[in-house]
Amino acid sequence: MGLVLLVLVLFVWQQPFVPVEYITRDPAAIATHPVYYGALSNLGILLWAASATACLLGGLVVQTLSNRWETVGFFAGFGALSTILCLDDLFMLHEEIFPNKLGIPEEVLFILYAVLLLYLLLRFRKILLKTQPALLGLSLLLFALSICSDLLPVLANLPDNNIYALEDGSKFIAIFVWFSYFLWAAVEKITLIANGIVLASTSAVDPKTT
């Protein structure tokens, strides 16, 4: 991993396309705009990263303690999705890179994300239904509200501030609820497995030695 990072830094240093500072420095310092620009978006990216970390760490611990591959797959799948959505928001993939640089409409990405999400929901529905499904449902509802706020004609005449507050505010809350759900799920699954291990160890102890 260290070698990969070293190669990445060397590539950034030697690449001829843009000044190195445009890649390494903070955007606010480069653009000389106030540091609060994009604050809510940046916090959302941190929550995406935290969600991915909770999932991937939860899956790793579950695999180490119990080899429950269904649960490991659940965390790995949603961790991967969280990582993809994190990168999307971080690098504006569906807003800028794909439509303007690669010529792929953002609707294509939305469909791919929706298909992946639907697959994960169906594939791991048994686990989802046992782990605070209302919380995940609330997150998905808020995501739908954020996406549809651009499409609903009734909102077209609202002031820009109100539209941005509805679209970006509901998205931020949705990401926070998403993070809360997967953090809860990881803690719950790990706790259940750990308690089972302790109980099994206790019951296996010879009463004559206690």
N, C-alpha and C. Protein backbone atom coordinates (compact mmCIF):
# COMPACT_ATOMS: atom_id res chain seq x y z
N MET A 1 0.83 -1.20 0.00
CA MET A 1 0.00 0.00 0.00
C MET A 1 0.87 1.26 0.00
N GLY A 2 1.96 1.20 0.80
CA GLY A 2 2.87 2.34 0.83
C GLY A 2 3.49 2.61 -0.52
N LEU A 3 3.80 1.54 -1.26
CA LEU A 3 4.38 1.68 -2.59
C LEU A 3 3.38 2.31 -3.55
N VAL A 4 2.11 1.91 -3.43
CA VAL A 4 1.06 2.48 -4.28
C VAL A 4 0.94 3.98 -4.05
N LEU A 5 0.95 4.38 -2.78
CA LEU A 5 0.84 5.80 -2.45
C LEU A 5 2.05 6.58 -2.95
N LEU A 6 3.23 5.96 -2.85
CA LEU A 6 4.44 6.61 -3.35
C LEU A 6 4.36 6.83 -4.85
N VAL A 7 3.91 5.80 -5.58
CA VAL A 7 3.76 5.93 -7.03
C VAL A 7 2.75 7.01 -7.38
N LEU A 8 1.65 7.09 -6.60
CA LEU A 8 0.63 8.10 -6.85
C LEU A 8 1.20 9.51 -6.66
N VAL A 9 1.95 9.71 -5.59
CA VAL A 9 2.55 11.02 -5.34
C VAL A 9 3.54 11.38 -6.45
N LEU A 10 4.35 10.42 -6.88
CA LEU A 10 5.30 10.67 -7.95
C LEU A 10 4.59 11.01 -9.26
N PHE A 11 3.46 10.33 -9.52
CA PHE A 11 2.69 10.64 -10.73
C PHE A 11 2.15 12.06 -10.69
N VAL A 12 1.58 12.44 -9.52
CA VAL A 12 1.06 13.80 -9.38
C VAL A 12 2.17 14.82 -9.58
N TRP A 13 3.34 14.53 -9.06
CA TRP A 13 4.48 15.43 -9.16
C TRP A 13 4.95 15.59 -10.61
N GLN A 14 4.96 14.49 -11.37
CA GLN A 14 5.55 14.51 -12.70
C GLN A 14 4.54 14.72 -13.83
N GLN A 15 3.23 14.58 -13.54
CA GLN A 15 2.25 14.69 -14.64
C GLN A 15 2.30 16.10 -15.24
N PRO A 16 2.09 16.19 -16.59
CA PRO A 16 2.25 17.47 -17.29
C PRO A 16 0.95 18.24 -17.53
N PHE A 17 -0.15 17.75 -16.99
CA PHE A 17 -1.46 18.26 -17.40
C PHE A 17 -1.88 19.53 -16.65
N VAL A 18 -1.69 19.55 -15.33
CA VAL A 18 -2.11 20.70 -14.52
C VAL A 18 -1.02 20.98 -13.49
N PRO A 19 -0.97 22.22 -12.99
CA PRO A 19 0.01 22.51 -11.93
C PRO A 19 -0.21 21.60 -10.72
N VAL A 20 0.87 21.19 -10.09
CA VAL A 20 0.79 20.27 -8.96
C VAL A 20 -0.07 20.84 -7.84
N GLU A 21 0.02 22.14 -7.61
CA GLU A 21 -0.73 22.75 -6.51
C GLU A 21 -2.24 22.60 -6.69
N TYR A 22 -2.71 22.49 -7.94
CA TYR A 22 -4.14 22.32 -8.17
C TYR A 22 -4.64 20.98 -7.66
N ILE A 23 -3.74 20.03 -7.53
CA ILE A 23 -4.11 18.70 -7.05
C ILE A 23 -3.86 18.55 -5.55
N THR A 24 -2.81 19.20 -5.06
CA THR A 24 -2.39 18.96 -3.67
C THR A 24 -2.96 19.93 -2.66
N ARG A 25 -3.28 21.15 -3.08
CA ARG A 25 -3.72 22.17 -2.12
C ARG A 25 -5.23 22.11 -1.91
N ASP A 26 -5.67 22.79 -0.86
CA ASP A 26 -7.10 22.87 -0.56
C ASP A 26 -7.81 23.72 -1.61
N PRO A 27 -9.00 23.29 -2.07
CA PRO A 27 -9.72 24.07 -3.09
C PRO A 27 -9.98 25.52 -2.68
N ALA A 28 -10.29 25.75 -1.40
CA ALA A 28 -10.57 27.11 -0.95
C ALA A 28 -9.34 28.00 -1.08
N ALA A 29 -8.17 27.43 -0.86
CA ALA A 29 -6.93 28.21 -0.99
C ALA A 29 -6.63 28.52 -2.45
N ILE A 30 -6.93 27.56 -3.34
CA ILE A 30 -6.65 27.77 -4.77
C ILE A 30 -7.62 28.79 -5.36
N ALA A 31 -8.90 28.64 -5.04
CA ALA A 31 -9.92 29.51 -5.63
C ALA A 31 -10.10 30.81 -4.87
N THR A 32 -9.43 30.93 -3.72
CA THR A 32 -9.53 32.10 -2.85
C THR A 32 -10.98 32.46 -2.52
N HIS A 33 -11.78 31.45 -2.24
CA HIS A 33 -13.15 31.70 -1.80
C HIS A 33 -13.26 31.36 -0.31
N PRO A 34 -14.31 31.83 0.36
CA PRO A 34 -14.44 31.58 1.80
C PRO A 34 -14.47 30.08 2.11
N VAL A 35 -13.95 29.73 3.28
CA VAL A 35 -13.82 28.31 3.63
C VAL A 35 -15.16 27.64 3.85
N TYR A 36 -16.23 28.43 4.06
CA TYR A 36 -17.53 27.81 4.28
C TYR A 36 -18.23 27.41 2.99
N TYR A 37 -17.68 27.76 1.84
CA TYR A 37 -18.28 27.33 0.58
C TYR A 37 -18.29 25.79 0.54
N GLY A 38 -19.45 25.23 0.26
CA GLY A 38 -19.56 23.78 0.14
C GLY A 38 -19.44 23.03 1.45
N ALA A 39 -19.64 23.74 2.57
CA ALA A 39 -19.45 23.10 3.88
C ALA A 39 -20.36 21.89 4.06
N LEU A 40 -21.64 22.04 3.72
CA LEU A 40 -22.57 20.94 3.90
C LEU A 40 -22.22 19.76 2.99
N SER A 41 -21.79 20.06 1.78
CA SER A 41 -21.37 19.01 0.86
C SER A 41 -20.15 18.28 1.40
N ASN A 42 -19.18 19.02 1.95
CA ASN A 42 -17.99 18.40 2.51
C ASN A 42 -18.33 17.50 3.70
N LEU A 43 -19.24 17.96 4.55
CA LEU A 43 -19.66 17.14 5.68
C LEU A 43 -20.35 15.87 5.19
N GLY A 44 -21.13 16.00 4.13
CA GLY A 44 -21.79 14.83 3.56
C GLY A 44 -20.78 13.81 3.04
N ILE A 45 -19.70 14.30 2.42
CA ILE A 45 -18.65 13.40 1.94
C ILE A 45 -17.99 12.67 3.10
N LEU A 46 -17.76 13.39 4.20
CA LEU A 46 -17.19 12.74 5.39
C LEU A 46 -18.13 11.65 5.92
N LEU A 47 -19.44 11.91 5.87
CA LEU A 47 -20.40 10.91 6.34
C LEU A 47 -20.44 9.70 5.41
N TRP A 48 -20.30 9.94 4.11
CA TRP A 48 -20.20 8.81 3.18
C TRP A 48 -18.99 7.95 3.52
N ALA A 49 -17.86 8.61 3.75
CA ALA A 49 -16.64 7.88 4.09
C ALA A 49 -16.79 7.13 5.41
N ALA A 50 -17.46 7.76 6.38
CA ALA A 50 -17.69 7.10 7.66
C ALA A 50 -18.62 5.90 7.51
N SER A 51 -19.60 6.02 6.63
CA SER A 51 -20.51 4.91 6.36
C SER A 51 -19.76 3.73 5.75
N ALA A 52 -18.92 4.03 4.77
CA ALA A 52 -18.13 2.97 4.14
C ALA A 52 -17.20 2.31 5.15
N THR A 53 -16.60 3.11 6.02
CA THR A 53 -15.70 2.57 7.04
C THR A 53 -16.45 1.68 8.01
N ALA A 54 -17.64 2.13 8.46
CA ALA A 54 -18.43 1.32 9.38
C ALA A 54 -18.80 -0.02 8.76
N CYS A 55 -19.19 0.01 7.48
CA CYS A 55 -19.56 -1.24 6.80
C CYS A 55 -18.37 -2.17 6.63
N LEU A 56 -17.28 -1.64 6.10
CA LEU A 56 -16.13 -2.49 5.80
C LEU A 56 -15.47 -3.00 7.07
N LEU A 57 -15.40 -2.16 8.09
CA LEU A 57 -14.84 -2.61 9.36
C LEU A 57 -15.76 -3.63 10.02
N GLY A 58 -17.08 -3.38 9.95
CA GLY A 58 -18.05 -4.33 10.49
C GLY A 58 -17.94 -5.68 9.82
N GLY A 59 -17.83 -5.68 8.49
CA GLY A 59 -17.68 -6.93 7.75
C GLY A 59 -16.40 -7.66 8.11
N LEU A 60 -15.32 -6.91 8.27
CA LEU A 60 -14.04 -7.53 8.61
C LEU A 60 -14.08 -8.19 9.98
N VAL A 61 -14.70 -7.49 10.95
CA VAL A 61 -14.78 -8.04 12.31
C VAL A 61 -15.69 -9.27 12.34
N VAL A 62 -16.82 -9.19 11.64
CA VAL A 62 -17.74 -10.34 11.59
C VAL A 62 -17.04 -11.53 10.96
N GLN A 63 -16.32 -11.30 9.87
CA GLN A 63 -15.61 -12.40 9.21
C GLN A 63 -14.55 -13.01 10.14
N THR A 64 -13.86 -12.16 10.90
CA THR A 64 -12.82 -12.64 11.80
C THR A 64 -13.40 -13.46 12.95
N LEU A 65 -14.54 -13.02 13.48
CA LEU A 65 -15.11 -13.66 14.67
C LEU A 65 -15.95 -14.89 14.35
N SER A 66 -16.63 -14.89 13.19
CA SER A 66 -17.65 -15.94 13.02
C SER A 66 -17.74 -16.56 11.63
N ASN A 67 -17.13 -15.93 10.62
CA ASN A 67 -17.27 -16.44 9.24
C ASN A 67 -18.73 -16.51 8.79
N ARG A 68 -19.55 -15.57 9.23
CA ARG A 68 -20.94 -15.50 8.74
C ARG A 68 -20.92 -14.74 7.41
N TRP A 69 -20.78 -15.48 6.32
CA TRP A 69 -20.51 -14.86 5.03
C TRP A 69 -21.69 -14.04 4.51
N GLU A 70 -22.90 -14.39 4.89
CA GLU A 70 -24.05 -13.59 4.47
C GLU A 70 -23.96 -12.18 5.05
N THR A 71 -23.62 -12.10 6.33
CA THR A 71 -23.47 -10.80 6.97
C THR A 71 -22.26 -10.05 6.43
N VAL A 72 -21.18 -10.79 6.18
CA VAL A 72 -19.99 -10.18 5.59
C VAL A 72 -20.32 -9.59 4.21
N GLY A 73 -21.07 -10.34 3.42
CA GLY A 73 -21.48 -9.84 2.10
C GLY A 73 -22.36 -8.61 2.20
N PHE A 74 -23.25 -8.59 3.19
CA PHE A 74 -24.12 -7.44 3.44
C PHE A 74 -23.28 -6.18 3.67
N PHE A 75 -22.31 -6.28 4.57
CA PHE A 75 -21.47 -5.11 4.87
C PHE A 75 -20.57 -4.75 3.70
N ALA A 76 -20.04 -5.76 3.01
CA ALA A 76 -19.16 -5.49 1.87
C ALA A 76 -19.92 -4.79 0.74
N GLY A 77 -21.14 -5.25 0.46
CA GLY A 77 -21.94 -4.67 -0.61
C GLY A 77 -22.31 -3.23 -0.34
N PHE A 78 -22.84 -2.97 0.85
CA PHE A 78 -23.24 -1.60 1.17
C PHE A 78 -22.03 -0.71 1.43
N GLY A 79 -20.91 -1.31 1.88
CA GLY A 79 -19.68 -0.54 2.01
C GLY A 79 -19.16 -0.09 0.66
N ALA A 80 -19.24 -0.99 -0.32
CA ALA A 80 -18.82 -0.64 -1.68
C ALA A 80 -19.71 0.45 -2.26
N LEU A 81 -21.02 0.34 -2.05
CA LEU A 81 -21.94 1.36 -2.55
C LEU A 81 -21.67 2.70 -1.89
N SER A 82 -21.44 2.69 -0.59
CA SER A 82 -21.13 3.94 0.12
C SER A 82 -19.84 4.56 -0.41
N THR A 83 -18.85 3.73 -0.71
CA THR A 83 -17.59 4.23 -1.26
C THR A 83 -17.79 4.86 -2.62
N ILE A 84 -18.58 4.20 -3.47
CA ILE A 84 -18.86 4.74 -4.80
C ILE A 84 -19.57 6.09 -4.71
N LEU A 85 -20.57 6.19 -3.83
CA LEU A 85 -21.31 7.44 -3.68
C LEU A 85 -20.44 8.53 -3.06
N CYS A 86 -19.52 8.13 -2.19
CA CYS A 86 -18.56 9.07 -1.62
C CYS A 86 -17.69 9.67 -2.73
N LEU A 87 -17.15 8.81 -3.58
CA LEU A 87 -16.31 9.27 -4.69
C LEU A 87 -17.11 10.11 -5.68
N ASP A 88 -18.37 9.75 -5.88
CA ASP A 88 -19.23 10.52 -6.76
C ASP A 88 -19.37 11.95 -6.27
N ASP A 89 -19.68 12.11 -4.98
CA ASP A 89 -19.83 13.45 -4.43
C ASP A 89 -18.49 14.19 -4.37
N LEU A 90 -17.42 13.47 -4.06
CA LEU A 90 -16.11 14.11 -3.91
C LEU A 90 -15.61 14.67 -5.23
N PHE A 91 -15.77 13.90 -6.31
CA PHE A 91 -15.23 14.31 -7.61
C PHE A 91 -16.32 14.74 -8.60
N MET A 92 -17.57 14.90 -8.11
CA MET A 92 -18.69 15.35 -8.95
C MET A 92 -18.83 14.50 -10.21
N LEU A 93 -18.84 13.18 -10.00
CA LEU A 93 -18.86 12.26 -11.14
C LEU A 93 -20.12 12.41 -11.97
N HIS A 94 -21.30 12.37 -11.32
CA HIS A 94 -22.54 12.40 -12.10
C HIS A 94 -22.90 13.81 -12.57
N GLU A 95 -22.30 14.84 -11.94
CA GLU A 95 -22.61 16.21 -12.32
C GLU A 95 -21.66 16.78 -13.36
N GLU A 96 -20.41 16.36 -13.31
CA GLU A 96 -19.40 16.98 -14.16
C GLU A 96 -18.62 15.97 -15.01
N ILE A 97 -17.98 14.99 -14.37
CA ILE A 97 -17.04 14.12 -15.07
C ILE A 97 -17.72 13.31 -16.16
N PHE A 98 -18.77 12.56 -15.79
CA PHE A 98 -19.41 11.68 -16.78
C PHE A 98 -20.15 12.43 -17.87
N PRO A 99 -21.00 13.41 -17.54
CA PRO A 99 -21.74 14.08 -18.62
C PRO A 99 -20.87 15.02 -19.47
N ASN A 100 -19.95 15.76 -18.85
CA ASN A 100 -19.21 16.80 -19.58
C ASN A 100 -17.86 16.34 -20.11
N LYS A 101 -17.25 15.35 -19.45
CA LYS A 101 -15.93 14.88 -19.89
C LYS A 101 -16.01 13.58 -20.68
N LEU A 102 -16.96 12.72 -20.30
CA LEU A 102 -17.05 11.41 -20.95
C LEU A 102 -18.27 11.27 -21.85
N GLY A 103 -19.15 12.26 -21.82
CA GLY A 103 -20.33 12.22 -22.67
C GLY A 103 -21.39 11.23 -22.26
N ILE A 104 -21.37 10.81 -20.99
CA ILE A 104 -22.37 9.87 -20.46
C ILE A 104 -23.36 10.65 -19.60
N PRO A 105 -24.64 10.67 -19.97
CA PRO A 105 -25.63 11.45 -19.21
C PRO A 105 -25.69 11.01 -17.75
N GLU A 106 -25.95 11.97 -16.87
CA GLU A 106 -26.00 11.65 -15.45
C GLU A 106 -27.13 10.67 -15.13
N GLU A 107 -28.19 10.65 -15.98
CA GLU A 107 -29.28 9.71 -15.76
C GLU A 107 -28.80 8.26 -15.82
N VAL A 108 -27.78 8.01 -16.64
CA VAL A 108 -27.24 6.65 -16.74
C VAL A 108 -26.65 6.23 -15.41
N LEU A 109 -25.92 7.14 -14.78
CA LEU A 109 -25.33 6.83 -13.48
C LEU A 109 -26.41 6.62 -12.42
N PHE A 110 -27.44 7.46 -12.45
CA PHE A 110 -28.54 7.31 -11.49
C PHE A 110 -29.19 5.93 -11.63
N ILE A 111 -29.38 5.49 -12.87
CA ILE A 111 -29.98 4.18 -13.10
C ILE A 111 -29.08 3.08 -12.58
N LEU A 112 -27.77 3.18 -12.84
CA LEU A 112 -26.82 2.17 -12.35
C LEU A 112 -26.82 2.12 -10.83
N TYR A 113 -26.83 3.29 -10.18
CA TYR A 113 -26.87 3.32 -8.72
C TYR A 113 -28.16 2.70 -8.21
N ALA A 114 -29.27 3.01 -8.86
CA ALA A 114 -30.56 2.48 -8.43
C ALA A 114 -30.61 0.96 -8.58
N VAL A 115 -30.06 0.46 -9.68
CA VAL A 115 -30.03 -1.00 -9.91
C VAL A 115 -29.17 -1.68 -8.84
N LEU A 116 -28.00 -1.11 -8.55
CA LEU A 116 -27.13 -1.68 -7.53
C LEU A 116 -27.80 -1.66 -6.16
N LEU A 117 -28.44 -0.55 -5.83
CA LEU A 117 -29.14 -0.45 -4.55
C LEU A 117 -30.27 -1.46 -4.47
N LEU A 118 -31.05 -1.57 -5.53
CA LEU A 118 -32.17 -2.51 -5.54
C LEU A 118 -31.67 -3.95 -5.38
N TYR A 119 -30.58 -4.27 -6.06
CA TYR A 119 -30.00 -5.61 -5.92
C TYR A 119 -29.60 -5.89 -4.48
N LEU A 120 -28.93 -4.94 -3.84
CA LEU A 120 -28.49 -5.12 -2.46
C LEU A 120 -29.69 -5.25 -1.50
N LEU A 121 -30.72 -4.44 -1.74
CA LEU A 121 -31.90 -4.52 -0.89
C LEU A 121 -32.58 -5.88 -0.99
N LEU A 122 -32.68 -6.41 -2.21
CA LEU A 122 -33.31 -7.72 -2.40
C LEU A 122 -32.41 -8.85 -1.92
N ARG A 123 -31.11 -8.73 -2.22
CA ARG A 123 -30.17 -9.80 -1.87
C ARG A 123 -30.05 -9.98 -0.36
N PHE A 124 -30.09 -8.86 0.38
CA PHE A 124 -29.88 -8.94 1.83
C PHE A 124 -31.13 -8.50 2.60
N ARG A 125 -32.31 -8.77 2.02
CA ARG A 125 -33.55 -8.32 2.63
C ARG A 125 -33.78 -8.94 4.02
N LYS A 126 -33.35 -10.17 4.22
CA LYS A 126 -33.56 -10.82 5.53
C LYS A 126 -32.78 -10.10 6.62
N ILE A 127 -31.55 -9.72 6.32
CA ILE A 127 -30.77 -8.97 7.30
C ILE A 127 -31.35 -7.58 7.50
N LEU A 128 -31.74 -6.93 6.41
CA LEU A 128 -32.28 -5.58 6.50
C LEU A 128 -33.55 -5.52 7.36
N LEU A 129 -34.40 -6.53 7.19
CA LEU A 129 -35.67 -6.53 7.93
C LEU A 129 -35.48 -6.78 9.43
N LYS A 130 -34.31 -7.30 9.79
CA LYS A 130 -34.03 -7.56 11.20
C LYS A 130 -33.23 -6.43 11.86
N THR A 131 -32.85 -5.43 11.08
CA THR A 131 -31.93 -4.41 11.59
C THR A 131 -32.49 -3.01 11.32
N GLN A 132 -33.39 -2.55 12.16
CA GLN A 132 -33.93 -1.19 12.08
C GLN A 132 -34.29 -0.79 10.64
N PRO A 133 -35.18 -1.53 9.97
CA PRO A 133 -35.50 -1.21 8.57
C PRO A 133 -36.11 0.18 8.40
N ALA A 134 -36.81 0.67 9.44
CA ALA A 134 -37.43 2.00 9.32
C ALA A 134 -36.37 3.08 9.15
N LEU A 135 -35.22 2.90 9.78
CA LEU A 135 -34.15 3.89 9.69
C LEU A 135 -33.60 3.96 8.26
N LEU A 136 -33.35 2.80 7.66
CA LEU A 136 -32.88 2.79 6.28
C LEU A 136 -33.97 3.31 5.34
N GLY A 137 -35.21 2.96 5.62
CA GLY A 137 -36.32 3.46 4.80
C GLY A 137 -36.41 4.98 4.83
N LEU A 138 -36.18 5.57 6.01
CA LEU A 138 -36.19 7.03 6.12
C LEU A 138 -35.08 7.65 5.28
N SER A 139 -33.91 7.03 5.31
CA SER A 139 -32.80 7.54 4.50
C SER A 139 -33.14 7.50 3.02
N LEU A 140 -33.69 6.39 2.54
CA LEU A 140 -34.04 6.26 1.13
C LEU A 140 -35.13 7.25 0.73
N LEU A 141 -36.07 7.49 1.65
CA LEU A 141 -37.14 8.46 1.38
C LEU A 141 -36.56 9.86 1.22
N LEU A 142 -35.61 10.21 2.06
CA LEU A 142 -34.99 11.53 1.97
C LEU A 142 -34.14 11.66 0.71
N PHE A 143 -33.47 10.58 0.32
CA PHE A 143 -32.73 10.61 -0.94
C PHE A 143 -33.69 10.84 -2.11
N ALA A 144 -34.83 10.15 -2.09
CA ALA A 144 -35.82 10.32 -3.16
C ALA A 144 -36.33 11.76 -3.20
N LEU A 145 -36.56 12.35 -2.03
CA LEU A 145 -37.01 13.75 -1.96
C LEU A 145 -35.97 14.67 -2.57
N SER A 146 -34.70 14.43 -2.27
CA SER A 146 -33.62 15.26 -2.81
C SER A 146 -33.56 15.17 -4.32
N ILE A 147 -33.65 13.95 -4.86
CA ILE A 147 -33.58 13.76 -6.31
C ILE A 147 -34.80 14.35 -7.01
N CYS A 148 -35.97 14.13 -6.41
CA CYS A 148 -37.21 14.58 -7.05
C CYS A 148 -37.41 16.09 -6.94
N SER A 149 -36.72 16.74 -6.02
CA SER A 149 -36.89 18.19 -5.87
C SER A 149 -36.47 18.93 -7.13
N ASP A 150 -35.60 18.32 -7.93
CA ASP A 150 -35.20 18.91 -9.22
C ASP A 150 -36.24 18.70 -10.30
N LEU A 151 -37.11 17.69 -10.09
CA LEU A 151 -37.99 17.28 -11.16
C LEU A 151 -39.43 17.71 -10.98
N LEU A 152 -39.80 18.10 -9.75
CA LEU A 152 -41.20 18.44 -9.47
C LEU A 152 -41.53 19.84 -9.98
N PRO A 153 -42.49 19.97 -10.92
CA PRO A 153 -42.84 21.30 -11.46
C PRO A 153 -43.33 22.26 -10.38
N VAL A 154 -43.97 21.73 -9.35
CA VAL A 154 -44.54 22.58 -8.32
C VAL A 154 -43.46 23.37 -7.59
N LEU A 155 -42.22 22.89 -7.65
CA LEU A 155 -41.13 23.56 -6.95
C LEU A 155 -40.38 24.55 -7.84
N ALA A 156 -40.74 24.60 -9.11
CA ALA A 156 -39.98 25.41 -10.07
C ALA A 156 -40.02 26.90 -9.73
N ASN A 157 -41.11 27.34 -9.11
CA ASN A 157 -41.27 28.77 -8.84
C ASN A 157 -40.76 29.18 -7.46
N LEU A 158 -40.22 28.25 -6.72
CA LEU A 158 -39.68 28.59 -5.40
C LEU A 158 -38.39 29.38 -5.55
N PRO A 159 -38.09 30.25 -4.58
CA PRO A 159 -36.78 30.93 -4.61
C PRO A 159 -35.64 29.92 -4.58
N ASP A 160 -34.50 30.29 -5.18
CA ASP A 160 -33.36 29.38 -5.25
C ASP A 160 -32.93 28.89 -3.88
N ASN A 161 -32.94 29.78 -2.90
CA ASN A 161 -32.53 29.39 -1.55
C ASN A 161 -33.39 28.24 -1.02
N ASN A 162 -34.68 28.31 -1.27
CA ASN A 162 -35.59 27.26 -0.79
C ASN A 162 -35.34 25.94 -1.52
N ILE A 163 -35.10 26.02 -2.82
CA ILE A 163 -34.86 24.80 -3.60
C ILE A 163 -33.56 24.13 -3.15
N TYR A 164 -32.51 24.93 -2.97
CA TYR A 164 -31.23 24.37 -2.52
C TYR A 164 -31.35 23.79 -1.12
N ALA A 165 -32.10 24.48 -0.27
CA ALA A 165 -32.28 23.98 1.10
C ALA A 165 -33.01 22.64 1.08
N LEU A 166 -34.02 22.51 0.22
CA LEU A 166 -34.78 21.28 0.14
C LEU A 166 -33.93 20.15 -0.47
N GLU A 167 -33.29 20.44 -1.59
CA GLU A 167 -32.52 19.41 -2.29
C GLU A 167 -31.29 18.97 -1.49
N ASP A 168 -30.47 19.94 -1.12
CA ASP A 168 -29.21 19.61 -0.45
C ASP A 168 -29.39 19.30 1.02
N GLY A 169 -30.39 19.96 1.65
CA GLY A 169 -30.65 19.67 3.06
C GLY A 169 -31.19 18.27 3.27
N SER A 170 -32.14 17.86 2.42
CA SER A 170 -32.69 16.50 2.54
C SER A 170 -31.63 15.46 2.21
N LYS A 171 -30.74 15.76 1.26
CA LYS A 171 -29.66 14.83 0.92
C LYS A 171 -28.71 14.67 2.09
N PHE A 172 -28.35 15.77 2.73
CA PHE A 172 -27.42 15.70 3.86
C PHE A 172 -28.01 14.88 5.01
N ILE A 173 -29.28 15.13 5.32
CA ILE A 173 -29.93 14.37 6.39
C ILE A 173 -30.02 12.89 6.01
N ALA A 174 -30.28 12.63 4.72
CA ALA A 174 -30.35 11.24 4.25
C ALA A 174 -29.02 10.53 4.45
N ILE A 175 -27.91 11.21 4.14
CA ILE A 175 -26.59 10.59 4.32
C ILE A 175 -26.32 10.35 5.80
N PHE A 176 -26.72 11.30 6.65
CA PHE A 176 -26.52 11.12 8.09
C PHE A 176 -27.31 9.92 8.61
N VAL A 177 -28.55 9.79 8.16
CA VAL A 177 -29.37 8.65 8.58
C VAL A 177 -28.79 7.35 8.04
N TRP A 178 -28.31 7.37 6.79
CA TRP A 178 -27.64 6.21 6.18
C TRP A 178 -26.45 5.78 7.05
N PHE A 179 -25.61 6.75 7.42
CA PHE A 179 -24.47 6.46 8.29
C PHE A 179 -24.92 5.89 9.63
N SER A 180 -25.96 6.49 10.23
CA SER A 180 -26.46 6.02 11.52
C SER A 180 -26.94 4.58 11.43
N TYR A 181 -27.62 4.27 10.31
CA TYR A 181 -28.13 2.91 10.13
C TYR A 181 -27.00 1.89 10.09
N PHE A 182 -25.99 2.13 9.27
CA PHE A 182 -24.93 1.13 9.11
C PHE A 182 -23.99 1.09 10.30
N LEU A 183 -23.84 2.19 11.01
CA LEU A 183 -23.09 2.14 12.27
C LEU A 183 -23.85 1.30 13.29
N TRP A 184 -25.16 1.50 13.37
CA TRP A 184 -26.01 0.70 14.26
C TRP A 184 -25.91 -0.77 13.89
N ALA A 185 -26.02 -1.06 12.59
CA ALA A 185 -25.99 -2.46 12.14
C ALA A 185 -24.66 -3.12 12.48
N ALA A 186 -23.56 -2.40 12.27
CA ALA A 186 -22.24 -2.97 12.55
C ALA A 186 -22.08 -3.25 14.05
N VAL A 187 -22.46 -2.29 14.87
CA VAL A 187 -22.33 -2.47 16.33
C VAL A 187 -23.22 -3.61 16.80
N GLU A 188 -24.45 -3.68 16.27
CA GLU A 188 -25.39 -4.72 16.69
C GLU A 188 -24.88 -6.11 16.30
N LYS A 189 -24.43 -6.27 15.06
CA LYS A 189 -23.97 -7.59 14.62
C LYS A 189 -22.73 -8.03 15.38
N ILE A 190 -21.79 -7.11 15.58
CA ILE A 190 -20.57 -7.46 16.30
C ILE A 190 -20.87 -7.80 17.75
N THR A 191 -21.78 -7.04 18.36
CA THR A 191 -22.15 -7.29 19.76
C THR A 191 -22.81 -8.65 19.92
N LEU A 192 -23.72 -8.99 19.00
CA LEU A 192 -24.40 -10.28 19.07
C LEU A 192 -23.41 -11.44 18.94
N ILE A 193 -22.49 -11.31 18.00
CA ILE A 193 -21.51 -12.38 17.80
C ILE A 193 -20.58 -12.48 19.01
N ALA A 194 -20.12 -11.33 19.52
CA ALA A 194 -19.23 -11.34 20.68
C ALA A 194 -19.92 -11.94 21.90
N ASN A 195 -21.18 -11.58 22.11
CA ASN A 195 -21.93 -12.15 23.24
C ASN A 195 -22.08 -13.66 23.09
N GLY A 196 -22.31 -14.10 21.84
CA GLY A 196 -22.44 -15.54 21.60
C GLY A 196 -21.15 -16.28 21.90
N ILE A 197 -20.02 -15.65 21.53
CA ILE A 197 -18.72 -16.28 21.81
C ILE A 197 -18.47 -16.37 23.31
N VAL A 198 -18.79 -15.29 24.04
CA VAL A 198 -18.60 -15.29 25.49
C VAL A 198 -19.49 -16.34 26.15
N LEU A 199 -20.75 -16.42 25.69
CA LEU A 199 -21.68 -17.40 26.27
C LEU A 199 -21.21 -18.82 25.99
N ALA A 200 -20.74 -19.06 24.77
CA ALA A 200 -20.25 -20.40 24.43
C ALA A 200 -19.02 -20.76 25.26
N SER A 201 -18.15 -19.78 25.46
CA SER A 201 -16.94 -20.04 26.25
C SER A 201 -17.29 -20.33 27.69
N THR A 202 -18.27 -19.58 28.21
CA THR A 202 -18.68 -19.76 29.60
C THR A 202 -19.30 -21.12 29.81
N SER A 203 -20.17 -21.52 28.88
CA SER A 203 -20.87 -22.80 29.02
C SER A 203 -19.92 -23.98 28.83
N ALA A 204 -18.79 -23.74 28.14
CA ALA A 204 -17.84 -24.82 27.89
C ALA A 204 -16.88 -25.07 29.05
N VAL A 205 -16.88 -24.15 30.03
CA VAL A 205 -15.99 -24.28 31.17
C VAL A 205 -16.46 -25.43 32.08
N ASP A 206 -15.55 -26.27 32.49
CA ASP A 206 -15.88 -27.38 33.38
C ASP A 206 -16.24 -26.83 34.76
N PRO A 207 -17.42 -27.12 35.28
CA PRO A 207 -17.83 -26.59 36.59
C PRO A 207 -16.84 -26.97 37.70
N LYS A 208 -16.13 -28.06 37.57
CA LYS A 208 -15.22 -28.50 38.64
C LYS A 208 -14.00 -27.59 38.74
N THR A 209 -13.72 -26.84 37.64
CA THR A 209 -12.55 -25.97 37.64
C THR A 209 -12.88 -24.56 38.09
N THR A 210 -14.16 -24.29 38.35
CA THR A 210 -14.59 -22.96 38.75
C THR A 210 -14.88 -22.90 40.23
